[in-house]
Amino acid sequence: MNYPATLQWVVDNLNELYLLFCLTYDDEYDYSETVKAFLGSTKAIVGEFLPNEVIWNEPLAYQFLTMLNAYRERVMTSIALQRSQEMDNQRQLIEYVSQLLNHYSRLLFVRVDLSYLVDSLTNVKLDDFYEHMSKLRELISNKQTCFEHLQGYAWALEQGTDKSLHCHLLLMYDGAKRQKDVFIGQEVGEKWLAITGSLGNYYNCNNSDYKAPFQQRQLLGIGMIHRDNPLEVQNAIRVARYLVEPEKVDQHLTIRLPNMRTFGKGQFNVPWRRGIENKS
């Protein structure tokens, strides 16, 4: 979305958001370079004035924009590094999914988007999201309840303007032991609601309404994927590729806990996987 960055628009938004930003800022978190640029630029202009005492006008806004421009190279370098990391994550994920697809005659692909209810966003802090994701990852690792017969998984954390903090989750089950992908997607979503209490929300990408247009265009990459069907395999890899999309710069987290991961996946070469015990 392109915003009308007139000087008056900048003035209005600074007066509306600067105080709120200062009230919510916490130096115990790690922030993106864009946030640091905003903080550095505003502090350089208003100094140690209390945020509620600052009234932005056009001269101050112009100084702010001039100062902000000085951070451009640092911000662009940070974005390039993020994109490079996402490309590496994507490459690893595609390799991982390809190994699984080559190993099993059929896999059941389930995609669920985990988020929060719009009305509850103000009550969800980053620490809450981290705790909820930790509980979910523990269940996935232990293959408990709806994760029984899970052979592979991947997750990616994002932060959007509409859904705020959310997670894209890809699960790959043994197709010889699990069917009914719509039901499993619902089970996983309900598990997220149980973890988050009354705050959570989810979207089951395996529902028929979501799958229908992809199926019509022969692009369906979720549901049952057969190893001997090249089109299904190609579409499944495309689904995995989208999970970690380098170009989704506006979806990167702007705030993290120290050492917080935003992407994770399972391992292919594990002792419990049948048929690869002797592989390194």
Protein backbone atom coordinates (compact mmCIF):
# COMPACT_ATOMS: atom_id res chain seq x y z
CA MET A 1 0.00 0.00 0.00
CA ASN A 2 1.33 3.45 -0.91
CA TYR A 3 0.77 6.16 1.67
CA PRO A 4 0.43 9.88 0.80
CA ALA A 5 3.60 10.98 2.57
CA THR A 6 2.88 14.70 2.48
CA LEU A 7 4.37 16.79 5.25
CA GLN A 8 0.93 17.25 6.81
CA TRP A 9 0.34 13.51 6.69
CA VAL A 10 3.61 13.00 8.58
CA VAL A 11 2.61 15.64 11.15
CA ASP A 12 -0.79 14.04 11.74
CA ASN A 13 0.64 10.55 12.14
CA LEU A 14 3.42 11.65 14.45
CA ASN A 15 0.93 13.42 16.70
CA GLU A 16 -1.28 10.35 16.68
CA LEU A 17 1.35 7.62 17.09
CA TYR A 18 4.48 9.03 18.72
CA LEU A 19 3.10 9.00 22.27
CA LEU A 20 1.64 5.51 21.79
CA PHE A 21 4.99 4.27 20.46
CA CYS A 22 6.86 5.64 23.47
CA LEU A 23 4.37 4.10 25.89
CA THR A 24 4.71 0.65 24.35
CA TYR A 25 8.46 0.67 23.67
CA ASP A 26 10.40 -1.77 25.86
CA ASP A 27 14.20 -1.89 25.64
CA GLU A 28 14.21 -5.52 26.76
CA TYR A 29 13.03 -6.49 23.26
CA ASP A 30 14.99 -6.58 20.01
CA TYR A 31 13.58 -4.22 17.38
CA SER A 32 13.98 -4.06 13.62
CA GLU A 33 16.20 -1.42 12.05
CA THR A 34 13.09 0.44 10.84
CA VAL A 35 11.87 0.84 14.42
CA LYS A 36 15.34 1.87 15.55
CA ALA A 37 15.44 4.43 12.76
CA PHE A 38 12.11 5.89 13.89
CA LEU A 39 13.21 6.02 17.52
CA GLY A 40 16.60 7.53 16.69
CA SER A 41 15.11 10.17 14.42
CA THR A 42 12.39 11.28 16.81
CA LYS A 43 14.72 11.40 19.80
CA ALA A 44 17.20 13.47 17.81
CA ILE A 45 14.47 16.06 17.20
CA VAL A 46 12.59 16.25 20.51
CA GLY A 47 15.40 15.20 22.85
CA GLU A 48 14.33 14.36 26.38
CA PHE A 49 10.91 16.00 26.23
CA LEU A 50 8.17 13.81 27.65
CA PRO A 51 6.19 12.28 24.76
CA ASN A 52 2.91 13.75 25.98
CA GLU A 53 4.46 17.23 25.86
CA VAL A 54 5.55 16.97 22.23
CA ILE A 55 3.39 18.61 19.57
CA TRP A 56 4.60 17.88 16.06
CA ASN A 57 4.39 20.60 13.42
CA GLU A 58 5.69 20.91 9.86
CA PRO A 59 9.19 22.22 10.73
CA LEU A 60 9.70 19.39 13.23
CA ALA A 61 8.31 16.85 10.80
CA TYR A 62 10.69 18.07 8.10
CA GLN A 63 13.64 17.66 10.49
CA PHE A 64 12.36 14.19 11.33
CA LEU A 65 12.26 13.16 7.65
CA THR A 66 15.74 14.54 7.09
CA MET A 67 17.07 12.60 10.06
CA LEU A 68 15.16 9.47 9.01
CA ASN A 69 16.80 9.55 5.61
CA ALA A 70 20.19 9.22 7.29
CA TYR A 71 19.16 5.72 8.40
CA ARG A 72 18.25 4.61 4.89
CA GLU A 73 21.41 2.63 4.15
CA ARG A 74 21.28 0.84 7.50
CA VAL A 75 17.62 -0.09 7.01
CA MET A 76 18.15 -1.29 3.42
CA THR A 77 21.13 -3.40 4.51
CA SER A 78 19.00 -4.96 7.23
CA ILE A 79 16.23 -5.76 4.74
CA ALA A 80 18.75 -7.33 2.37
CA LEU A 81 20.12 -9.51 5.18
CA GLN A 82 16.60 -10.57 6.16
CA ARG A 83 15.81 -11.45 2.56
CA SER A 84 19.03 -13.47 2.31
CA GLN A 85 18.16 -15.35 5.51
CA GLU A 86 14.68 -16.08 4.20
CA MET A 87 16.15 -17.40 0.94
CA ASP A 88 18.39 -19.73 2.94
CA ASN A 89 15.43 -20.86 5.08
CA GLN A 90 13.43 -21.46 1.92
CA ARG A 91 16.21 -23.52 0.36
CA GLN A 92 16.51 -25.66 3.50
CA LEU A 93 12.75 -26.16 3.68
CA ILE A 94 12.45 -27.20 0.03
CA GLU A 95 15.29 -29.70 0.50
CA TYR A 96 13.62 -31.07 3.66
CA VAL A 97 10.18 -31.43 2.04
CA SER A 98 11.71 -33.01 -1.06
CA GLN A 99 13.48 -35.60 1.10
CA LEU A 100 10.19 -36.47 2.80
CA LEU A 101 8.32 -36.70 -0.50
CA ASN A 102 10.99 -39.01 -1.90
CA HIS A 103 10.96 -41.20 1.20
CA TYR A 104 7.23 -41.81 1.66
CA SER A 105 4.85 -43.13 -1.00
CA ARG A 106 2.26 -40.61 0.14
CA LEU A 107 2.09 -37.78 2.65
CA LEU A 108 -0.90 -35.86 3.95
CA PHE A 109 -0.13 -32.13 3.80
CA VAL A 110 -2.02 -29.91 6.26
CA ARG A 111 -1.71 -26.10 6.32
CA VAL A 112 -3.11 -24.06 9.20
CA ASP A 113 -2.71 -20.35 9.87
CA LEU A 114 -2.66 -19.55 13.58
CA SER A 115 -3.45 -16.06 14.78
CA TYR A 116 -5.49 -14.10 17.31
CA LEU A 117 -8.98 -12.66 17.35
CA VAL A 118 -9.03 -9.02 16.27
CA ASP A 119 -10.79 -8.00 19.50
CA SER A 120 -8.07 -9.65 21.59
CA LEU A 121 -4.99 -8.17 19.88
CA THR A 122 -4.51 -5.49 22.52
CA ASN A 123 -4.33 -8.24 25.15
CA VAL A 124 -1.72 -10.32 23.35
CA LYS A 125 1.89 -9.44 24.12
CA LEU A 126 4.97 -10.78 22.40
CA ASP A 127 5.76 -12.84 25.49
CA ASP A 128 2.30 -14.45 25.24
CA PHE A 129 2.85 -15.32 21.58
CA TYR A 130 6.23 -16.84 22.39
CA GLU A 131 4.75 -18.92 25.22
CA HIS A 132 1.86 -20.12 23.04
CA MET A 133 4.23 -21.12 20.25
CA SER A 134 6.53 -22.91 22.71
CA LYS A 135 3.61 -25.03 23.94
CA LEU A 136 2.58 -25.81 20.37
CA ARG A 137 6.11 -26.81 19.33
CA GLU A 138 6.35 -29.09 22.36
CA LEU A 139 3.18 -30.91 21.33
CA ILE A 140 4.47 -31.20 17.76
CA SER A 141 7.83 -32.58 18.91
CA ASN A 142 6.14 -35.13 21.18
CA LYS A 143 3.63 -36.10 18.45
CA GLN A 144 0.80 -35.84 20.92
CA THR A 145 -2.95 -35.82 20.20
CA CYS A 146 -3.62 -34.38 16.71
CA PHE A 147 0.07 -34.64 15.80
CA GLU A 148 0.15 -38.46 15.90
CA HIS A 149 1.90 -40.04 12.90
CA LEU A 150 3.46 -36.69 11.99
CA GLN A 151 6.49 -37.19 9.74
CA GLY A 152 7.50 -33.59 9.09
CA TYR A 153 6.64 -30.01 9.93
CA ALA A 154 7.63 -26.40 9.41
CA TRP A 155 6.48 -23.11 10.88
CA ALA A 156 7.09 -19.45 10.12
CA LEU A 157 6.22 -16.47 12.31
CA GLU A 158 5.05 -13.23 10.74
CA GLN A 159 3.57 -9.90 11.77
CA GLY A 160 0.99 -8.29 9.53
CA THR A 161 -1.12 -5.15 9.74
CA ASP A 162 -4.36 -7.16 9.75
CA LYS A 163 -3.52 -10.30 11.73
CA SER A 164 -0.65 -8.86 13.77
CA LEU A 165 1.42 -11.75 15.18
CA HIS A 166 0.63 -15.03 13.45
CA CYS A 167 2.10 -18.36 12.43
CA HIS A 168 1.97 -20.29 9.16
CA LEU A 169 2.11 -23.98 10.03
CA LEU A 170 2.78 -26.85 7.61
CA LEU A 171 2.32 -30.43 8.82
CA MET A 172 3.14 -33.60 6.88
CA TYR A 173 1.58 -36.86 8.09
CA ASP A 174 2.16 -40.46 7.05
CA GLY A 175 -0.46 -40.89 4.35
CA ALA A 176 -0.73 -44.59 5.06
CA LYS A 177 -1.92 -43.86 8.61
CA ARG A 178 -3.70 -40.51 8.44
CA GLN A 179 -6.40 -39.26 6.08
CA LYS A 180 -9.16 -36.63 6.40
CA ASP A 181 -6.96 -33.55 6.10
CA VAL A 182 -9.89 -31.19 6.71
CA PHE A 183 -10.61 -32.84 10.05
CA ILE A 184 -6.94 -32.80 11.08
CA GLY A 185 -6.65 -29.11 10.19
CA GLN A 186 -9.64 -28.40 12.39
CA GLU A 187 -8.14 -30.46 15.22
CA VAL A 188 -4.90 -28.49 15.02
CA GLY A 189 -6.81 -25.22 15.03
CA GLU A 190 -8.82 -26.29 18.06
CA LYS A 191 -5.58 -27.22 19.80
CA TRP A 192 -4.33 -23.66 19.18
CA LEU A 193 -7.55 -22.30 20.70
CA ALA A 194 -7.01 -24.47 23.76
CA ILE A 195 -3.43 -23.16 24.10
CA THR A 196 -4.40 -19.50 23.70
CA GLY A 197 -7.61 -19.61 25.70
CA SER A 198 -10.15 -17.07 24.47
CA LEU A 199 -7.56 -15.10 22.49
CA GLY A 200 -6.80 -17.37 19.55
CA ASN A 201 -8.10 -17.72 16.04
CA TYR A 202 -7.17 -19.99 13.11
CA TYR A 203 -7.80 -20.67 9.45
CA ASN A 204 -7.87 -24.23 8.13
CA CYS A 205 -6.38 -24.04 4.63
CA ASN A 206 -7.48 -27.62 3.96
CA ASN A 207 -11.15 -26.73 3.90
CA SER A 208 -12.91 -27.39 0.59
CA ASP A 209 -13.62 -23.71 -0.17
CA TYR A 210 -9.93 -22.84 0.03
CA LYS A 211 -8.77 -25.88 -1.92
CA ALA A 212 -11.34 -25.74 -4.73
CA PRO A 213 -9.82 -22.93 -6.87
CA PHE A 214 -6.33 -24.45 -6.60
CA GLN A 215 -7.69 -27.82 -7.60
CA GLN A 216 -9.45 -26.32 -10.62
CA ARG A 217 -6.16 -24.76 -11.78
CA GLN A 218 -4.21 -27.95 -11.00
CA LEU A 219 -2.19 -26.13 -8.35
CA LEU A 220 -3.39 -27.96 -5.25
CA GLY A 221 -0.41 -28.77 -3.03
CA ILE A 222 -2.13 -29.78 0.22
CA GLY A 223 -4.16 -32.84 1.13
CA MET A 224 -2.87 -36.25 0.04
CA ILE A 225 0.32 -35.97 -2.00
CA HIS A 226 1.56 -39.06 -3.84
CA ARG A 227 5.23 -39.57 -4.57
CA ASP A 228 4.52 -41.01 -8.04
CA ASN A 229 2.45 -37.97 -9.08
CA PRO A 230 4.92 -35.29 -10.31
CA LEU A 231 2.26 -32.55 -10.41
CA GLU A 232 1.20 -33.15 -6.81
CA VAL A 233 4.84 -33.17 -5.69
CA GLN A 234 5.57 -29.94 -7.58
CA ASN A 235 2.54 -28.24 -6.04
CA ALA A 236 3.45 -29.42 -2.53
CA ILE A 237 6.93 -27.96 -2.90
CA ARG A 238 5.36 -24.69 -4.06
CA VAL A 239 3.29 -24.63 -0.85
CA ALA A 240 6.45 -25.13 1.19
CA ARG A 241 8.25 -22.42 -0.78
CA TYR A 242 5.50 -19.89 0.01
CA LEU A 243 5.77 -20.62 3.72
CA VAL A 244 9.11 -18.81 3.74
CA GLU A 245 8.82 -16.17 1.04
CA PRO A 246 11.81 -13.76 0.90
CA GLU A 247 9.75 -11.02 -0.76
CA LYS A 248 7.27 -10.73 2.13
CA VAL A 249 9.38 -7.98 3.71
CA ASP A 250 6.36 -6.22 5.19
CA GLN A 251 5.50 -9.42 7.12
CA HIS A 252 8.81 -9.69 9.00
CA LEU A 253 8.61 -9.29 12.75
CA THR A 254 9.47 -5.77 13.86
CA ILE A 255 9.92 -6.84 17.46
CA ARG A 256 11.40 -10.00 18.96
CA LEU A 257 12.50 -11.45 22.23
CA PRO A 258 16.29 -11.88 22.39
CA ASN A 259 17.36 -14.91 20.29
CA MET A 260 13.76 -15.54 19.22
CA ARG A 261 13.48 -17.74 16.12
CA THR A 262 10.96 -16.91 13.43
CA PHE A 263 11.30 -20.12 11.42
CA GLY A 264 11.66 -23.77 12.29
CA LYS A 265 11.35 -27.20 10.72
CA GLY A 266 11.86 -30.84 11.57
CA GLN A 267 14.88 -32.96 10.68
CA PHE A 268 14.88 -35.68 8.05
CA ASN A 269 17.80 -37.77 9.26
CA VAL A 270 16.49 -38.84 12.68
CA PRO A 271 16.93 -42.25 14.36
CA TRP A 272 13.20 -42.98 14.58
CA ARG A 273 12.53 -42.57 10.85
CA ARG A 274 12.24 -46.01 9.32
CA GLY A 275 14.66 -46.82 6.53
CA ILE A 276 17.35 -44.21 7.22
CA GLU A 277 18.95 -45.50 10.44
CA ASN A 278 22.32 -45.90 8.73
CA LYS A 279 22.28 -42.53 6.98
CA SER A 280 24.41 -39.66 8.29
